[in-house]
Amino acid sequence: MNILSRSAVARRRRTLANLVLRDLADTGDVTVPAWWEEEIQREFGGLGGFLAELSRQWWTAYAAHLDALIELGLDDPSQAWDDVTEQMPWLRAVLDAYTDDAALAEAERRHCDVLRWTTRREPRHAA
């Protein structure tokens, strides 16, 4: 019986996401090419799961950077957005290319809700 730990699964998914992003950067594409579909299906259950993973990576980096800016006394969310976009241009470009995808929209909504609750110090209700 081969049961992977959550951290092993997360590492494997992050590695695959980074490989796809590097491939997209090399080709100049922002939409996932067909040759990645089978692997994305197997690992993420489809494009929606893959996009949710990219969204998670984006919002984790954004929240960390925004937190760092707040610690420095600079609480400009647009500056954090611009900085992270500069650091992760292909990740942001892919998310922007799939902005109408339902799975991505749900992931983005949840991340925005968490960020809003965190910055306003509002009590968080179950999603």
C-alpha atoms as a PDB file:
ATOM      1  CA  MET A   1       0.000   0.000   0.000  1.00  0.00           C
ATOM      2  CA  ASN A   2       1.494   3.313  -1.108  1.00  0.00           C
ATOM      3  CA  ILE A   3      -0.132   6.272   0.637  1.00  0.00           C
ATOM      4  CA  LEU A   4       1.565   9.613   0.084  1.00  0.00           C
ATOM      5  CA  SER A   5       1.624  12.237   2.794  1.00  0.00           C
ATOM      6  CA  ARG A   6      -0.127  15.543   2.205  1.00  0.00           C
ATOM      7  CA  SER A   7       3.228  17.293   1.976  1.00  0.00           C
ATOM      8  CA  ALA A   8       4.441  14.811  -0.663  1.00  0.00           C
ATOM      9  CA  VAL A   9       1.294  15.398  -2.718  1.00  0.00           C
ATOM     10  CA  ALA A  10       1.674  19.183  -2.330  1.00  0.00           C
ATOM     11  CA  ARG A  11       5.318  19.011  -3.451  1.00  0.00           C
ATOM     12  CA  ARG A  12       4.433  16.854  -6.446  1.00  0.00           C
ATOM     13  CA  ARG A  13       1.639  19.217  -7.476  1.00  0.00           C
ATOM     14  CA  ARG A  14       3.809  22.299  -7.012  1.00  0.00           C
ATOM     15  CA  THR A  15       6.535  20.679  -9.111  1.00  0.00           C
ATOM     16  CA  LEU A  16       4.112  19.863 -11.930  1.00  0.00           C
ATOM     17  CA  ALA A  17       2.617  23.365 -11.819  1.00  0.00           C
ATOM     18  CA  ASN A  18       6.099  24.875 -12.036  1.00  0.00           C
ATOM     19  CA  LEU A  19       7.001  22.628 -14.977  1.00  0.00           C
ATOM     20  CA  VAL A  20       3.870  23.669 -16.865  1.00  0.00           C
ATOM     21  CA  LEU A  21       4.512  27.354 -16.098  1.00  0.00           C
ATOM     22  CA  ARG A  22       8.124  27.058 -17.261  1.00  0.00           C
ATOM     23  CA  ASP A  23       6.927  25.381 -20.464  1.00  0.00           C
ATOM     24  CA  LEU A  24       4.420  28.187 -21.027  1.00  0.00           C
ATOM     25  CA  ALA A  25       7.095  30.813 -20.449  1.00  0.00           C
ATOM     26  CA  ASP A  26       9.378  29.051 -22.933  1.00  0.00           C
ATOM     27  CA  THR A  27       6.659  28.922 -25.594  1.00  0.00           C
ATOM     28  CA  GLY A  28       5.170  32.341 -24.829  1.00  0.00           C
ATOM     29  CA  ASP A  29       1.747  30.746 -24.340  1.00  0.00           C
ATOM     30  CA  VAL A  30      -0.678  31.549 -21.524  1.00  0.00           C
ATOM     31  CA  THR A  31      -3.108  28.686 -22.056  1.00  0.00           C
ATOM     32  CA  VAL A  32      -2.246  25.106 -21.184  1.00  0.00           C
ATOM     33  CA  PRO A  33      -1.309  23.099 -24.280  1.00  0.00           C
ATOM     34  CA  ALA A  34      -2.898  19.733 -25.012  1.00  0.00           C
ATOM     35  CA  TRP A  35       0.258  17.762 -24.227  1.00  0.00           C
ATOM     36  CA  TRP A  36      -0.139  18.605 -20.506  1.00  0.00           C
ATOM     37  CA  GLU A  37      -3.826  17.617 -20.293  1.00  0.00           C
ATOM     38  CA  GLU A  38      -3.325  13.961 -19.330  1.00  0.00           C
ATOM     39  CA  GLU A  39      -0.828  14.720 -16.566  1.00  0.00           C
ATOM     40  CA  ILE A  40      -2.943  17.605 -15.252  1.00  0.00           C
ATOM     41  CA  GLN A  41      -6.009  15.356 -15.270  1.00  0.00           C
ATOM     42  CA  ARG A  42      -4.179  12.637 -13.360  1.00  0.00           C
ATOM     43  CA  GLU A  43      -2.664  14.975 -10.759  1.00  0.00           C
ATOM     44  CA  PHE A  44      -5.311  17.687 -10.324  1.00  0.00           C
ATOM     45  CA  GLY A  45      -8.476  16.037 -11.629  1.00  0.00           C
ATOM     46  CA  GLY A  46      -8.574  18.426 -14.562  1.00  0.00           C
ATOM     47  CA  LEU A  47      -7.843  21.995 -15.552  1.00  0.00           C
ATOM     48  CA  GLY A  48     -10.014  23.429 -12.774  1.00  0.00           C
ATOM     49  CA  GLY A  49      -7.920  21.749 -10.093  1.00  0.00           C
ATOM     50  CA  PHE A  50      -4.733  22.906 -11.774  1.00  0.00           C
ATOM     51  CA  LEU A  51      -5.991  26.495 -11.923  1.00  0.00           C
ATOM     52  CA  ALA A  52      -7.032  26.304  -8.270  1.00  0.00           C
ATOM     53  CA  GLU A  53      -3.455  25.260  -7.422  1.00  0.00           C
ATOM     54  CA  LEU A  54      -2.043  28.196  -9.389  1.00  0.00           C
ATOM     55  CA  SER A  55      -4.483  30.481  -7.607  1.00  0.00           C
ATOM     56  CA  ARG A  56      -3.363  29.106  -4.240  1.00  0.00           C
ATOM     57  CA  GLN A  57       0.272  29.753  -5.143  1.00  0.00           C
ATOM     58  CA  TRP A  58      -0.519  33.278  -6.287  1.00  0.00           C
ATOM     59  CA  TRP A  59      -2.548  34.264  -3.245  1.00  0.00           C
ATOM     60  CA  THR A  60      -0.015  32.735  -0.849  1.00  0.00           C
ATOM     61  CA  ALA A  61       2.763  34.830  -2.406  1.00  0.00           C
ATOM     62  CA  TYR A  62       0.561  37.926  -2.515  1.00  0.00           C
ATOM     63  CA  ALA A  63      -0.553  37.626   1.110  1.00  0.00           C
ATOM     64  CA  ALA A  64       3.031  37.090   2.292  1.00  0.00           C
ATOM     65  CA  HIS A  65       4.254  40.112   0.346  1.00  0.00           C
ATOM     66  CA  LEU A  66       1.377  42.289   1.518  1.00  0.00           C
ATOM     67  CA  ASP A  67       2.116  41.231   5.093  1.00  0.00           C
ATOM     68  CA  ALA A  68       5.758  42.227   4.624  1.00  0.00           C
ATOM     69  CA  LEU A  69       4.710  45.632   3.283  1.00  0.00           C
ATOM     70  CA  ILE A  70       2.371  46.150   6.220  1.00  0.00           C
ATOM     71  CA  GLU A  71       5.203  45.286   8.602  1.00  0.00           C
ATOM     72  CA  LEU A  72       7.249  48.017   6.903  1.00  0.00           C
ATOM     73  CA  GLY A  73       4.390  50.505   7.318  1.00  0.00           C
ATOM     74  CA  LEU A  74       3.436  50.381   3.623  1.00  0.00           C
ATOM     75  CA  ASP A  75      -0.024  48.889   3.309  1.00  0.00           C
ATOM     76  CA  ASP A  76      -0.658  49.431  -0.403  1.00  0.00           C
ATOM     77  CA  PRO A  77      -2.355  46.304  -1.804  1.00  0.00           C
ATOM     78  CA  SER A  78      -1.755  47.459  -5.377  1.00  0.00           C
ATOM     79  CA  GLN A  79       1.993  47.708  -4.722  1.00  0.00           C
ATOM     80  CA  ALA A  80       1.985  44.141  -3.401  1.00  0.00           C
ATOM     81  CA  TRP A  81       0.026  43.046  -6.493  1.00  0.00           C
ATOM     82  CA  ASP A  82       2.481  44.736  -8.853  1.00  0.00           C
ATOM     83  CA  ASP A  83       5.504  43.328  -7.021  1.00  0.00           C
ATOM     84  CA  VAL A  84       4.209  39.750  -7.048  1.00  0.00           C
ATOM     85  CA  THR A  85       3.170  40.077 -10.691  1.00  0.00           C
ATOM     86  CA  GLU A  86       6.734  41.113 -11.483  1.00  0.00           C
ATOM     87  CA  GLN A  87       8.082  38.121  -9.537  1.00  0.00           C
ATOM     88  CA  MET A  88       5.612  35.608 -11.029  1.00  0.00           C
ATOM     89  CA  PRO A  89       4.634  36.993 -14.435  1.00  0.00           C
ATOM     90  CA  TRP A  90       3.626  33.719 -16.117  1.00  0.00           C
ATOM     91  CA  LEU A  91       1.592  32.533 -13.181  1.00  0.00           C
ATOM     92  CA  ARG A  92      -0.374  35.794 -13.198  1.00  0.00           C
ATOM     93  CA  ALA A  93      -0.693  35.709 -17.005  1.00  0.00           C
ATOM     94  CA  VAL A  94      -2.144  32.188 -16.942  1.00  0.00           C
ATOM     95  CA  LEU A  95      -4.621  33.104 -14.205  1.00  0.00           C
ATOM     96  CA  ASP A  96      -5.652  36.176 -16.202  1.00  0.00           C
ATOM     97  CA  ALA A  97      -6.074  34.071 -19.360  1.00  0.00           C
ATOM     98  CA  TYR A  98      -8.502  31.754 -17.552  1.00  0.00           C
ATOM     99  CA  THR A  99     -10.361  34.464 -15.666  1.00  0.00           C
ATOM    100  CA  ASP A 100     -13.763  33.122 -16.843  1.00  0.00           C
ATOM    101  CA  ASP A 101     -13.140  29.541 -15.692  1.00  0.00           C
ATOM    102  CA  ALA A 102     -15.711  28.599 -13.009  1.00  0.00           C
ATOM    103  CA  ALA A 103     -13.264  26.615 -10.842  1.00  0.00           C
ATOM    104  CA  LEU A 104     -10.766  29.454 -10.895  1.00  0.00           C
ATOM    105  CA  ALA A 105     -13.453  32.014 -10.091  1.00  0.00           C
ATOM    106  CA  GLU A 106     -14.445  29.989  -7.015  1.00  0.00           C
ATOM    107  CA  ALA A 107     -10.831  29.648  -5.861  1.00  0.00           C
ATOM    108  CA  GLU A 108     -10.201  33.357  -6.383  1.00  0.00           C
ATOM    109  CA  ARG A 109     -13.389  34.250  -4.476  1.00  0.00           C
ATOM    110  CA  ARG A 110     -12.314  32.146  -1.502  1.00  0.00           C
ATOM    111  CA  HIS A 111      -8.830  33.650  -1.432  1.00  0.00           C
ATOM    112  CA  CYS A 112     -10.224  37.173  -1.673  1.00  0.00           C
ATOM    113  CA  ASP A 113     -12.654  36.421   1.162  1.00  0.00           C
ATOM    114  CA  VAL A 114      -9.838  35.153   3.392  1.00  0.00           C
ATOM    115  CA  LEU A 115      -7.719  38.196   2.594  1.00  0.00           C
ATOM    116  CA  ARG A 116     -10.640  40.552   3.264  1.00  0.00           C
ATOM    117  CA  TRP A 117     -11.447  38.880   6.586  1.00  0.00           C
ATOM    118  CA  THR A 118      -7.794  38.926   7.569  1.00  0.00           C
ATOM    119  CA  THR A 119      -7.146  42.577   6.755  1.00  0.00           C
ATOM    120  CA  ARG A 120     -10.391  43.776   8.319  1.00  0.00           C
ATOM    121  CA  ARG A 121     -10.027  41.439  11.265  1.00  0.00           C
ATOM    122  CA  GLU A 122     -13.601  40.286  10.689  1.00  0.00           C
ATOM    123  CA  PRO A 123     -14.683  36.963  12.128  1.00  0.00           C
ATOM    124  CA  ARG A 124     -14.482  34.287   9.450  1.00  0.00           C
ATOM    125  CA  HIS A 125     -17.549  32.186   8.833  1.00  0.00           C
ATOM    126  CA  ALA A 126     -17.350  28.741   7.282  1.00  0.00           C
ATOM    127  CA  ALA A 127     -17.198  28.886   3.480  1.00  0.00           C
END
